[in-house]
Protein backbone atom coordinates (compact mmCIF):
# COMPACT_ATOMS: atom_id res chain seq x y z
CA MET A 1 57.39 16.96 -11.35
CA ASN A 2 55.72 19.37 -8.97
CA ALA A 3 51.97 19.26 -9.26
CA SER A 4 49.98 22.08 -7.72
CA SER A 5 47.56 20.97 -5.08
CA PHE A 6 44.22 22.69 -4.80
CA THR A 7 41.49 22.18 -2.30
CA ARG A 8 37.98 21.81 -3.65
CA ARG A 9 37.13 25.25 -2.31
CA GLU A 10 40.11 26.84 -4.08
CA PHE A 11 39.24 25.05 -7.31
CA THR A 12 35.60 26.19 -7.15
CA ALA A 13 36.65 29.77 -6.38
CA GLY A 14 39.05 29.63 -9.31
CA ILE A 15 36.36 28.76 -11.87
CA GLY A 16 34.36 31.81 -10.87
CA ALA A 17 30.84 30.36 -10.96
CA LEU A 18 28.84 27.25 -10.50
CA VAL A 19 25.98 26.94 -12.93
CA VAL A 20 22.95 24.82 -12.18
CA ALA A 21 20.30 24.50 -14.85
CA PHE A 22 16.99 22.72 -15.07
CA SER A 23 14.09 22.61 -17.45
CA LEU A 24 10.39 22.63 -16.79
CA ASP A 25 9.68 21.53 -20.34
CA PRO A 26 7.60 18.31 -20.05
CA LYS A 27 9.51 16.59 -22.83
CA PHE A 28 12.60 16.69 -20.59
CA ALA A 29 10.79 15.65 -17.42
CA GLN A 30 10.95 12.08 -16.18
CA ALA A 31 7.99 9.90 -17.04
CA GLN A 32 5.40 9.57 -14.30
CA ALA A 33 5.79 6.43 -12.25
CA GLN A 34 3.68 3.58 -13.55
CA LEU A 35 1.80 1.20 -11.31
CA PRO A 36 3.42 -2.24 -11.26
CA GLY A 37 2.08 -4.60 -13.94
CA SER A 38 -0.21 -6.59 -11.67
CA LEU A 39 -1.79 -3.51 -10.09
CA ARG A 40 -2.01 -1.56 -13.36
CA ASN A 41 -4.43 -4.17 -14.71
CA ASN A 42 -6.33 -4.79 -11.45
CA ARG A 43 -6.95 -1.45 -9.74
CA LYS A 44 -9.81 -2.38 -7.40
CA LEU A 45 -8.51 -2.72 -3.84
CA ASP A 46 -11.06 -5.35 -2.88
CA ALA A 47 -9.65 -7.56 -5.63
CA TRP A 48 -6.42 -7.65 -3.58
CA ILE A 49 -7.29 -7.30 0.11
CA ARG A 50 -10.34 -7.60 2.31
CA ILE A 51 -10.34 -6.76 5.99
CA GLY A 52 -12.60 -8.93 8.13
CA ALA A 53 -14.66 -8.01 11.17
CA ASN A 54 -12.10 -9.88 13.30
CA SER A 55 -9.31 -7.53 12.05
CA SER A 56 -7.80 -10.22 9.88
CA ALA A 57 -6.92 -9.72 6.22
CA THR A 58 -7.70 -11.95 3.29
CA VAL A 59 -5.19 -11.38 0.52
CA PHE A 60 -5.91 -12.43 -3.05
CA THR A 61 -3.14 -13.20 -5.52
CA GLY A 62 -3.17 -14.65 -8.98
CA LYS A 63 0.27 -16.13 -8.31
CA VAL A 64 0.51 -19.80 -7.40
CA GLU A 65 2.90 -21.77 -5.28
CA LEU A 66 5.40 -23.73 -7.35
CA GLY A 67 7.80 -24.49 -4.51
CA GLN A 68 9.48 -21.09 -4.57
CA GLY A 69 7.68 -19.75 -1.46
CA ILE A 70 5.82 -17.01 -3.33
CA VAL A 71 2.59 -17.29 -1.34
CA THR A 72 4.48 -17.07 1.96
CA ALA A 73 6.52 -14.11 0.71
CA LEU A 74 3.38 -12.29 -0.45
CA ALA A 75 1.69 -12.96 2.89
CA GLN A 76 4.72 -11.49 4.67
CA ILE A 77 4.63 -8.39 2.45
CA ALA A 78 0.93 -7.85 3.15
CA ALA A 79 1.31 -8.45 6.90
CA GLU A 80 4.18 -6.00 7.13
CA GLU A 81 2.42 -3.27 5.18
CA LEU A 82 -0.90 -3.74 6.98
CA GLU A 83 0.91 -3.94 10.33
CA LEU A 84 -0.79 -7.23 11.16
CA PRO A 85 0.72 -10.42 12.55
CA LEU A 86 1.32 -12.98 9.81
CA SER A 87 -1.07 -15.35 11.61
CA ARG A 88 -3.96 -12.94 10.78
CA VAL A 89 -3.27 -12.90 7.04
CA ARG A 90 -5.11 -15.51 4.99
CA MET A 91 -3.98 -16.08 1.41
CA ILE A 92 -6.16 -17.08 -1.52
CA SER A 93 -3.91 -17.99 -4.41
CA GLY A 94 -4.65 -18.68 -8.05
CA ASP A 95 -8.43 -19.02 -7.71
CA THR A 96 -9.63 -17.66 -11.06
CA GLY A 97 -13.04 -16.85 -9.60
CA GLN A 98 -11.67 -14.72 -6.76
CA THR A 99 -8.16 -13.49 -7.46
CA PRO A 100 -6.85 -10.83 -9.84
CA ASN A 101 -5.46 -12.05 -13.15
CA GLU A 102 -1.72 -11.61 -12.71
CA GLY A 103 -0.55 -13.70 -15.62
CA GLN A 104 1.95 -16.49 -15.14
CA THR A 105 3.96 -17.23 -12.03
CA ALA A 106 7.57 -17.11 -13.14
CA GLY A 107 10.85 -16.56 -11.33
CA SER A 108 11.63 -13.28 -9.67
CA GLN A 109 8.95 -11.45 -11.65
CA SER A 110 6.35 -12.72 -9.19
CA ILE A 111 7.81 -10.73 -6.31
CA GLU A 112 8.70 -7.76 -8.49
CA ASN A 113 5.20 -7.42 -9.94
CA SER A 114 2.83 -9.04 -7.49
CA GLY A 115 4.80 -8.17 -4.36
CA THR A 116 5.06 -4.52 -5.32
CA ALA A 117 1.40 -4.37 -6.32
CA LEU A 118 0.36 -6.04 -3.07
CA ARG A 119 2.54 -3.69 -1.00
CA MET A 120 0.97 -0.65 -2.69
CA ALA A 121 -2.57 -2.01 -2.28
CA ALA A 122 -1.95 -2.84 1.39
CA ALA A 123 -0.50 0.62 2.03
CA GLU A 124 -3.60 2.16 0.46
CA VAL A 125 -5.90 0.01 2.59
CA ARG A 126 -3.94 0.85 5.76
CA GLY A 127 -4.08 4.55 4.87
CA MET A 128 -7.84 4.38 4.37
CA LEU A 129 -8.27 2.65 7.73
CA ILE A 130 -6.12 5.26 9.45
CA ASP A 131 -8.23 8.02 7.87
CA LEU A 132 -11.41 6.33 9.13
CA ALA A 133 -9.90 5.99 12.58
CA ALA A 134 -8.86 9.65 12.56
CA GLN A 135 -12.46 10.65 11.86
CA ARG A 136 -13.81 8.29 14.49
CA LEU A 137 -11.32 9.32 17.17
CA ALA A 138 -11.43 13.00 16.15
CA VAL A 139 -7.66 13.35 15.79
CA ALA A 140 -5.31 14.05 12.91
CA ALA A 141 -4.22 10.94 11.03
CA ASP A 142 -0.56 11.72 11.65
CA GLN A 143 -1.22 11.52 15.40
CA LEU A 144 -2.20 7.84 15.18
CA SER A 145 -0.07 4.73 15.46
CA VAL A 146 -0.81 1.23 14.21
CA SER A 147 0.18 -2.10 15.72
CA ASP A 148 -1.37 -5.53 15.23
CA GLY A 149 -4.38 -4.07 13.41
CA ILE A 150 -5.17 -1.63 16.23
CA ILE A 151 -5.03 2.10 15.51
CA ALA A 152 -4.30 4.11 18.65
CA ALA A 153 -4.31 7.79 19.56
CA LEU A 154 -2.44 9.42 22.39
CA GLY A 155 -4.36 9.03 25.63
CA GLY A 156 -5.22 5.38 25.01
CA ARG A 157 -8.20 5.68 22.66
CA LYS A 158 -8.05 3.00 20.01
CA VAL A 159 -10.03 1.21 17.36
CA GLY A 160 -9.36 -2.02 15.49
CA TYR A 161 -9.43 -2.60 11.76
CA GLY A 162 -12.37 -4.97 12.19
CA GLU A 163 -14.44 -2.43 14.10
CA LEU A 164 -13.84 0.19 11.40
CA VAL A 165 -14.86 -2.25 8.67
CA ALA A 166 -17.95 -3.39 10.60
CA ASN A 167 -19.03 0.25 10.92
CA LEU A 168 -18.55 0.71 7.18
CA ASP A 169 -20.81 -2.27 6.53
CA LEU A 170 -23.45 -0.84 8.88
CA ASP A 171 -23.18 2.55 7.14
CA ARG A 172 -23.60 0.87 3.72
CA GLU A 173 -26.60 -1.11 4.98
CA ALA A 174 -28.24 2.03 6.41
CA THR A 175 -27.58 3.91 3.15
CA ALA A 176 -29.06 1.06 1.12
CA LYS A 177 -32.18 0.93 3.33
CA ALA A 178 -32.60 4.71 3.11
CA SER A 179 -32.26 4.53 -0.65
CA ILE A 180 -34.87 1.77 -0.90
CA SER A 181 -37.35 3.63 1.33
CA ARG A 182 -36.92 6.80 -0.75
CA GLN A 183 -37.69 4.83 -3.92
CA LYS A 184 -40.99 3.51 -2.50
């Protein structure tokens, strides 16, 4: 039996056309990405992460340690995304007065839901800090680099997470005082 051999190019040329089609009809479009379960129900960033004046981060999770290493894993996720050393990440776990309600701690769902939510929240916080640093250093945000909670521009100018947060607190205090004096 002698089978003809074709190259892909010869085969494509032989069919005459390649048709590509797509639809802009929304009913055929993919559903918009949903926030992970834990973040969908707890959208306030300060419910997840707070940056301290010493450039450390306090991370809040409704998950609890049951011997599976979840709190350590979540701390590592936050440290990586915030670009902080793990030693500067403090975890508060399962404190119903402080942490987001994330439901039960169970198996791999804890990392899938809480880890993903925490990664997204930490990325948002880091992005906000980079934007603040860009304003402060008068450079474009994409010209900045982050390492160990320090945001640096070319030429050596830099600012730490803690300094940015301290300035925010001073700005809030000044705004509050101005608001009070206007009300008098």
